[in-house]
Each structure stands twice: as structure tokens, then as C-alpha cells.
Amino acid sequence: MEDTYLTLPSMSEGLYKDKGSKFYSFAFPVSTKEQIKSIVEDFRKKYHDARHVCYAYRIHPTMIETRANDDGEPSGTAGKPILGVLVSKDLVNVLVVVVRYFGGTLLGTSGLITAYREATLDAIDHNEIIEKKVEVSFTIYFGYLVMNDVMKIIKDENPTVLEQTFDNDCKMLLQIRVRDYDKIINRLQKVEGLKIE
């Protein structure tokens, strides 16, 4: 199973101009629909005087979810070319918003497709593409008496320890690559009284 994906580390901007129309593009690293909704709403408010605020995204590296929005442009001329760039560059957990200011001259279907694609490429070209691991987080609960057994597994399997509480009842929040998840879980399940959430 693939457990790495390509994404962007930070926000970047781009611009494409054609026959007086300006296409301002913005690429963001995102991971949830709530985040995306909030960014798009902010752009609609900030650029309320723009003719169109179009966008596309791809999220969830293990089960990719996509959406493209033309925001009043002819169907398939804005969101689809933006999404096409994300797919061709194999980017995940990325949102691209393109704000269009109309310049007075119609660009036609092929002109619009080119404009939205080029604006998207410009925003991505002003960023860097990084590889990230697909990781999963889980919490384990165990008694203090089995601490040594648990710590041996932690040392061997090397998950990231995000949080830990050691008392009579111990708790650890761990994160590990998807490909290593089953192995560590199988080992932890053999520890007496240990619970996994």
C-alpha cells in the first residue's frame, strides 16, 4: 500500500493575464473540508468584486476525494482545469483557488481552460512539492505493571510519541506510518490488559 504522497508545505500565489482578464491563483496545503470551506468563504468575502472565485481540491491520501467548482464560468472551464493540474502533478491535501477579474473581452472555452490551468501552474511553481508519509494515530491504555513490555515494543517499532501519561494507569498517543500499523498493533494486542483506541 502506498504510504507517501506529494503535497505543498505552504501557501503560494500565481497570476495569469489574458486580454485584460486577470487570474489570481492561490495554492494551499489543506486536510479537511471544513478548512477548505473556510478558505473559500474568506476568498469570496475578500474578493467580492471579482467576477468568479473558482477552486478545486484533492484531499485524503488513502482515499482521494476531489471537488471542482466553476463558480459561474461555463461548465468544465475553471474547476476542471485546476483539478487537472493537481492530478497531473499527483498532489494531495491541496486546494487551489483562482480569482478572476474580467477584462472586457470574452476568452472562449479554450481560452478559459488555458487561463485557469496556467494560473494554477504558476501558483504551484511558486511553491515546492514535498513528499509526506501517510500516518495513523492511535491511543493505547495500559497498567503500570506492563510498562516494560510496552516500552520494548515502542523502542522496536519506533512510532512517534505525541503524548504520554505515566501513572497507575498509563496512556500514550502514538503515530506511525500506515505500512507499519498492523505490525505494531499485533504486538501491542499481546500485552496483557492493554487497550487500543
C-alpha atoms as a PDB file:
ATOM      1  CA  MET A   1       0.000   0.000   0.000  1.00  0.00           C
ATOM      2  CA  GLU A   2       1.277   3.469  -0.909  1.00  0.00           C
ATOM      3  CA  ASP A   3       2.040   5.349   2.267  1.00  0.00           C
ATOM      4  CA  THR A   4       3.604   8.516   0.920  1.00  0.00           C
ATOM      5  CA  TYR A   5       2.013  11.361  -1.017  1.00  0.00           C
ATOM      6  CA  LEU A   6       3.026  14.639  -2.637  1.00  0.00           C
ATOM      7  CA  THR A   7       1.758  17.928  -1.251  1.00  0.00           C
ATOM      8  CA  LEU A   8       2.684  21.587  -0.699  1.00  0.00           C
ATOM      9  CA  PRO A   9       4.271  22.836   2.545  1.00  0.00           C
ATOM     10  CA  SER A  10       2.883  26.385   2.444  1.00  0.00           C
ATOM     11  CA  MET A  11       0.581  28.837   0.671  1.00  0.00           C
ATOM     12  CA  SER A  12       1.747  30.301  -2.649  1.00  0.00           C
ATOM     13  CA  GLU A  13       0.375  32.679  -5.268  1.00  0.00           C
ATOM     14  CA  GLY A  14       0.381  32.921  -9.036  1.00  0.00           C
ATOM     15  CA  LEU A  15      -1.012  35.133 -11.794  1.00  0.00           C
ATOM     16  CA  TYR A  16      -2.090  34.725 -15.415  1.00  0.00           C
ATOM     17  CA  LYS A  17      -3.277  37.552 -17.684  1.00  0.00           C
ATOM     18  CA  ASP A  18      -5.108  37.329 -20.995  1.00  0.00           C
ATOM     19  CA  LYS A  19      -6.919  40.089 -22.958  1.00  0.00           C
ATOM     20  CA  GLY A  20      -7.302  42.273 -19.884  1.00  0.00           C
ATOM     21  CA  SER A  21      -8.627  39.479 -17.641  1.00  0.00           C
ATOM     22  CA  LYS A  22      -6.545  38.706 -14.575  1.00  0.00           C
ATOM     23  CA  PHE A  23      -6.490  35.298 -12.913  1.00  0.00           C
ATOM     24  CA  TYR A  24      -5.019  35.411  -9.401  1.00  0.00           C
ATOM     25  CA  SER A  25      -4.227  31.935  -8.115  1.00  0.00           C
ATOM     26  CA  PHE A  26      -3.596  30.705  -4.577  1.00  0.00           C
ATOM     27  CA  ALA A  27      -2.426  27.206  -3.595  1.00  0.00           C
ATOM     28  CA  PHE A  28      -2.862  25.950  -0.014  1.00  0.00           C
ATOM     29  CA  PRO A  29      -1.944  22.833   1.945  1.00  0.00           C
ATOM     30  CA  VAL A  30      -5.242  21.560   3.467  1.00  0.00           C
ATOM     31  CA  SER A  31      -6.503  18.384   5.099  1.00  0.00           C
ATOM     32  CA  THR A  32     -10.226  18.822   5.858  1.00  0.00           C
ATOM     33  CA  LYS A  33     -13.372  20.013   4.092  1.00  0.00           C
ATOM     34  CA  GLU A  34     -14.014  22.453   6.955  1.00  0.00           C
ATOM     35  CA  GLN A  35     -10.641  24.092   6.298  1.00  0.00           C
ATOM     36  CA  ILE A  36     -11.402  24.300   2.563  1.00  0.00           C
ATOM     37  CA  LYS A  37     -14.887  25.749   3.139  1.00  0.00           C
ATOM     38  CA  SER A  38     -13.452  28.409   5.434  1.00  0.00           C
ATOM     39  CA  ILE A  39     -10.708  29.422   2.940  1.00  0.00           C
ATOM     40  CA  VAL A  40     -13.161  29.607   0.010  1.00  0.00           C
ATOM     41  CA  GLU A  41     -15.631  31.686   2.085  1.00  0.00           C
ATOM     42  CA  ASP A  42     -12.813  34.069   3.072  1.00  0.00           C
ATOM     43  CA  PHE A  43     -11.866  34.489  -0.593  1.00  0.00           C
ATOM     44  CA  ARG A  44     -15.478  35.180  -1.607  1.00  0.00           C
ATOM     45  CA  LYS A  45     -15.624  37.943   1.023  1.00  0.00           C
ATOM     46  CA  LYS A  46     -12.177  39.382   0.300  1.00  0.00           C
ATOM     47  CA  TYR A  47     -12.659  39.369  -3.487  1.00  0.00           C
ATOM     48  CA  HIS A  48     -16.387  40.182  -3.502  1.00  0.00           C
ATOM     49  CA  ASP A  49     -15.806  42.473  -6.509  1.00  0.00           C
ATOM     50  CA  ALA A  50     -14.284  39.661  -8.627  1.00  0.00           C
ATOM     51  CA  ARG A  51     -16.343  38.062 -11.390  1.00  0.00           C
ATOM     52  CA  HIS A  52     -15.518  34.470 -10.348  1.00  0.00           C
ATOM     53  CA  VAL A  53     -13.856  32.653  -7.437  1.00  0.00           C
ATOM     54  CA  CYS A  54     -13.215  29.132  -8.741  1.00  0.00           C
ATOM     55  CA  TYR A  55     -11.442  26.288  -6.994  1.00  0.00           C
ATOM     56  CA  ALA A  56     -10.535  22.611  -6.892  1.00  0.00           C
ATOM     57  CA  TYR A  57      -9.037  20.322  -4.286  1.00  0.00           C
ATOM     58  CA  ARG A  58      -7.774  16.807  -3.624  1.00  0.00           C
ATOM     59  CA  ILE A  59      -7.679  15.550  -0.027  1.00  0.00           C
ATOM     60  CA  HIS A  60      -7.252  12.297   1.958  1.00  0.00           C
ATOM     61  CA  PRO A  61      -4.179  10.469   0.587  1.00  0.00           C
ATOM     62  CA  THR A  62      -5.520   6.959   1.269  1.00  0.00           C
ATOM     63  CA  MET A  63      -8.973   7.502  -0.308  1.00  0.00           C
ATOM     64  CA  ILE A  64      -8.592  10.553  -2.517  1.00  0.00           C
ATOM     65  CA  GLU A  65     -11.577  12.894  -2.531  1.00  0.00           C
ATOM     66  CA  THR A  66     -11.831  15.646  -5.149  1.00  0.00           C
ATOM     67  CA  ARG A  67     -14.058  18.575  -5.995  1.00  0.00           C
ATOM     68  CA  ALA A  68     -14.007  21.209  -8.727  1.00  0.00           C
ATOM     69  CA  ASN A  69     -16.135  24.379  -8.764  1.00  0.00           C
ATOM     70  CA  ASP A  70     -16.637  26.670 -11.790  1.00  0.00           C
ATOM     71  CA  ASP A  71     -18.434  29.450  -9.844  1.00  0.00           C
ATOM     72  CA  GLY A  72     -20.475  30.605 -12.826  1.00  0.00           C
ATOM     73  CA  GLU A  73     -17.854  30.081 -15.548  1.00  0.00           C
ATOM     74  CA  PRO A  74     -19.031  27.817 -18.407  1.00  0.00           C
ATOM     75  CA  SER A  75     -19.159  24.211 -17.151  1.00  0.00           C
ATOM     76  CA  GLY A  76     -15.777  22.499 -17.090  1.00  0.00           C
ATOM     77  CA  THR A  77     -13.730  25.605 -17.990  1.00  0.00           C
ATOM     78  CA  ALA A  78     -12.435  26.546 -14.495  1.00  0.00           C
ATOM     79  CA  GLY A  79     -12.619  23.931 -11.734  1.00  0.00           C
ATOM     80  CA  LYS A  80     -11.787  21.049 -14.051  1.00  0.00           C
ATOM     81  CA  PRO A  81      -8.529  22.542 -15.431  1.00  0.00           C
ATOM     82  CA  ILE A  82      -7.470  23.481 -11.872  1.00  0.00           C
ATOM     83  CA  LEU A  83      -8.158  19.902 -10.733  1.00  0.00           C
ATOM     84  CA  GLY A  84      -6.386  18.575 -13.839  1.00  0.00           C
ATOM     85  CA  VAL A  85      -3.147  20.250 -12.723  1.00  0.00           C
ATOM     86  CA  LEU A  86      -3.455  18.768  -9.218  1.00  0.00           C
ATOM     87  CA  VAL A  87      -3.994  15.306 -10.723  1.00  0.00           C
ATOM     88  CA  SER A  88      -1.160  15.613 -13.260  1.00  0.00           C
ATOM     89  CA  LYS A  89       1.253  16.697 -10.501  1.00  0.00           C
ATOM     90  CA  ASP A  90      -0.168  13.977  -8.211  1.00  0.00           C
ATOM     91  CA  LEU A  91      -0.756  16.500  -5.402  1.00  0.00           C
ATOM     92  CA  VAL A  92      -2.947  15.594  -2.421  1.00  0.00           C
ATOM     93  CA  ASN A  93      -4.180  17.683   0.525  1.00  0.00           C
ATOM     94  CA  VAL A  94      -4.013  20.747  -1.712  1.00  0.00           C
ATOM     95  CA  LEU A  95      -6.617  23.415  -2.521  1.00  0.00           C
ATOM     96  CA  VAL A  96      -6.184  25.893  -5.385  1.00  0.00           C
ATOM     97  CA  VAL A  97      -8.419  28.977  -5.596  1.00  0.00           C
ATOM     98  CA  VAL A  98      -8.381  31.136  -8.733  1.00  0.00           C
ATOM     99  CA  VAL A  99      -9.946  34.608  -8.597  1.00  0.00           C
ATOM    100  CA  ARG A 100     -10.883  36.111 -11.971  1.00  0.00           C
ATOM    101  CA  TYR A 101     -11.277  39.765 -12.756  1.00  0.00           C
ATOM    102  CA  PHE A 102     -12.973  40.148 -16.157  1.00  0.00           C
ATOM    103  CA  GLY A 103     -11.105  42.334 -18.626  1.00  0.00           C
ATOM    104  CA  GLY A 104     -13.949  43.063 -21.037  1.00  0.00           C
ATOM    105  CA  THR A 105     -13.071  40.518 -23.733  1.00  0.00           C
ATOM    106  CA  LEU A 106     -14.538  37.014 -23.764  1.00  0.00           C
ATOM    107  CA  LEU A 107     -11.831  34.342 -23.845  1.00  0.00           C
ATOM    108  CA  GLY A 108     -13.934  31.449 -25.142  1.00  0.00           C
ATOM    109  CA  THR A 109     -13.904  27.907 -23.769  1.00  0.00           C
ATOM    110  CA  SER A 110     -10.338  27.010 -24.736  1.00  0.00           C
ATOM    111  CA  GLY A 111      -9.065  30.422 -23.567  1.00  0.00           C
ATOM    112  CA  LEU A 112     -10.667  29.934 -20.140  1.00  0.00           C
ATOM    113  CA  ILE A 113      -9.334  26.380 -19.774  1.00  0.00           C
ATOM    114  CA  THR A 114      -5.824  27.620 -20.619  1.00  0.00           C
ATOM    115  CA  ALA A 115      -6.119  30.603 -18.235  1.00  0.00           C
ATOM    116  CA  TYR A 116      -7.247  28.547 -15.229  1.00  0.00           C
ATOM    117  CA  ARG A 117      -4.661  25.831 -15.939  1.00  0.00           C
ATOM    118  CA  GLU A 118      -1.780  28.333 -16.353  1.00  0.00           C
ATOM    119  CA  ALA A 119      -2.791  30.332 -13.262  1.00  0.00           C
ATOM    120  CA  THR A 120      -2.820  27.109 -11.228  1.00  0.00           C
ATOM    121  CA  LEU A 121       0.581  26.046 -12.584  1.00  0.00           C
ATOM    122  CA  ASP A 122       2.012  29.465 -11.701  1.00  0.00           C
ATOM    123  CA  ALA A 123       0.859  29.192  -8.064  1.00  0.00           C
ATOM    124  CA  ILE A 124       2.321  25.668  -7.770  1.00  0.00           C
ATOM    125  CA  ASP A 125       5.567  26.729  -9.484  1.00  0.00           C
ATOM    126  CA  HIS A 126       5.963  29.381  -6.748  1.00  0.00           C
ATOM    127  CA  ASN A 127       5.878  26.625  -4.123  1.00  0.00           C
ATOM    128  CA  GLU A 128       7.827  23.440  -3.523  1.00  0.00           C
ATOM    129  CA  ILE A 129       6.419  19.937  -3.813  1.00  0.00           C
ATOM    130  CA  ILE A 130       7.250  17.765  -0.815  1.00  0.00           C
ATOM    131  CA  GLU A 131       6.699  14.100  -0.021  1.00  0.00           C
ATOM    132  CA  LYS A 132       4.865  13.230   3.187  1.00  0.00           C
ATOM    133  CA  LYS A 133       4.190   9.901   4.852  1.00  0.00           C
ATOM    134  CA  VAL A 134       0.618   8.734   5.376  1.00  0.00           C
ATOM    135  CA  GLU A 135       0.452   8.217   9.119  1.00  0.00           C
ATOM    136  CA  VAL A 136      -2.181   6.970  11.506  1.00  0.00           C
ATOM    137  CA  SER A 137      -2.612   7.970  15.160  1.00  0.00           C
ATOM    138  CA  PHE A 138      -3.946   5.778  17.946  1.00  0.00           C
ATOM    139  CA  THR A 139      -4.048   5.797  21.743  1.00  0.00           C
ATOM    140  CA  ILE A 140      -3.016   2.927  23.994  1.00  0.00           C
ATOM    141  CA  TYR A 141      -4.050   2.458  27.627  1.00  0.00           C
ATOM    142  CA  PHE A 142      -2.189   0.054  29.898  1.00  0.00           C
ATOM    143  CA  GLY A 143      -1.342  -0.650  33.528  1.00  0.00           C
ATOM    144  CA  TYR A 144       1.964   0.444  35.019  1.00  0.00           C
ATOM    145  CA  LEU A 145       2.965  -3.201  35.599  1.00  0.00           C
ATOM    146  CA  VAL A 146       3.254  -3.906  31.828  1.00  0.00           C
ATOM    147  CA  MET A 147       5.236  -0.700  31.144  1.00  0.00           C
ATOM    148  CA  ASN A 148       8.455  -2.605  30.251  1.00  0.00           C
ATOM    149  CA  ASP A 149       6.631  -4.785  27.684  1.00  0.00           C
ATOM    150  CA  VAL A 150       5.071  -1.699  26.081  1.00  0.00           C
ATOM    151  CA  MET A 151       8.311   0.306  26.039  1.00  0.00           C
ATOM    152  CA  LYS A 152      10.171  -2.585  24.362  1.00  0.00           C
ATOM    153  CA  ILE A 153       7.588  -2.573  21.507  1.00  0.00           C
ATOM    154  CA  ILE A 154       7.811   1.246  21.274  1.00  0.00           C
ATOM    155  CA  LYS A 155      11.616   1.022  21.052  1.00  0.00           C
ATOM    156  CA  ASP A 156      11.496  -1.745  18.389  1.00  0.00           C
ATOM    157  CA  GLU A 157       8.727  -0.277  16.202  1.00  0.00           C
ATOM    158  CA  ASN A 158       9.697   3.391  16.694  1.00  0.00           C
ATOM    159  CA  PRO A 159       6.330   5.181  16.401  1.00  0.00           C
ATOM    160  CA  THR A 160       6.190   8.933  17.097  1.00  0.00           C
ATOM    161  CA  VAL A 161       5.049   9.522  20.682  1.00  0.00           C
ATOM    162  CA  LEU A 162       2.690  12.523  20.538  1.00  0.00           C
ATOM    163  CA  GLU A 163       1.554  12.435  24.183  1.00  0.00           C
ATOM    164  CA  GLN A 164       2.191  10.250  27.198  1.00  0.00           C
ATOM    165  CA  THR A 165       0.950   9.967  30.773  1.00  0.00           C
ATOM    166  CA  PHE A 166       2.548   7.503  33.173  1.00  0.00           C
ATOM    167  CA  ASP A 167       0.740   6.697  36.419  1.00  0.00           C
ATOM    168  CA  ASN A 168      -1.005   3.595  37.776  1.00  0.00           C
ATOM    169  CA  ASP A 169      -2.978   3.808  34.521  1.00  0.00           C
ATOM    170  CA  CYS A 170      -0.788   4.808  31.593  1.00  0.00           C
ATOM    171  CA  LYS A 171      -1.778   6.378  28.294  1.00  0.00           C
ATOM    172  CA  MET A 172       0.213   7.064  25.120  1.00  0.00           C
ATOM    173  CA  LEU A 173      -0.856   8.758  21.894  1.00  0.00           C
ATOM    174  CA  LEU A 174       1.231   7.267  19.090  1.00  0.00           C
ATOM    175  CA  GLN A 175       1.591   7.938  15.376  1.00  0.00           C
ATOM    176  CA  ILE A 176       3.066   5.535  12.826  1.00  0.00           C
ATOM    177  CA  ARG A 177       3.296   5.039   9.064  1.00  0.00           C
ATOM    178  CA  VAL A 178       0.301   3.201   7.620  1.00  0.00           C
ATOM    179  CA  ARG A 179       2.504   0.369   6.348  1.00  0.00           C
ATOM    180  CA  ASP A 180       3.820  -0.332   9.879  1.00  0.00           C
ATOM    181  CA  TYR A 181       0.440  -0.049  11.638  1.00  0.00           C
ATOM    182  CA  ASP A 182      -0.661  -3.717  11.577  1.00  0.00           C
ATOM    183  CA  LYS A 183       2.696  -4.941  12.869  1.00  0.00           C
ATOM    184  CA  ILE A 184       2.748  -2.676  15.939  1.00  0.00           C
ATOM    185  CA  ILE A 185      -0.943  -3.281  16.676  1.00  0.00           C
ATOM    186  CA  ASN A 186      -0.445  -7.073  16.541  1.00  0.00           C
ATOM    187  CA  ARG A 187       2.419  -6.801  19.025  1.00  0.00           C
ATOM    188  CA  LEU A 188       0.567  -4.420  21.356  1.00  0.00           C
ATOM    189  CA  GLN A 189      -2.550  -6.638  21.399  1.00  0.00           C
ATOM    190  CA  LYS A 190      -0.453  -9.388  23.039  1.00  0.00           C
ATOM    191  CA  VAL A 191       0.303  -7.153  26.049  1.00  0.00           C
ATOM    192  CA  GLU A 192      -1.936  -8.142  28.950  1.00  0.00           C
ATOM    193  CA  GLY A 193      -4.735  -5.667  29.678  1.00  0.00           C
ATOM    194  CA  LEU A 194      -3.652  -3.154  27.027  1.00  0.00           C
ATOM    195  CA  LYS A 195      -6.463  -1.307  25.215  1.00  0.00           C
ATOM    196  CA  ILE A 196      -6.150   0.401  21.812  1.00  0.00           C
ATOM    197  CA  GLU A 197      -8.375   3.232  20.646  1.00  0.00           C
END
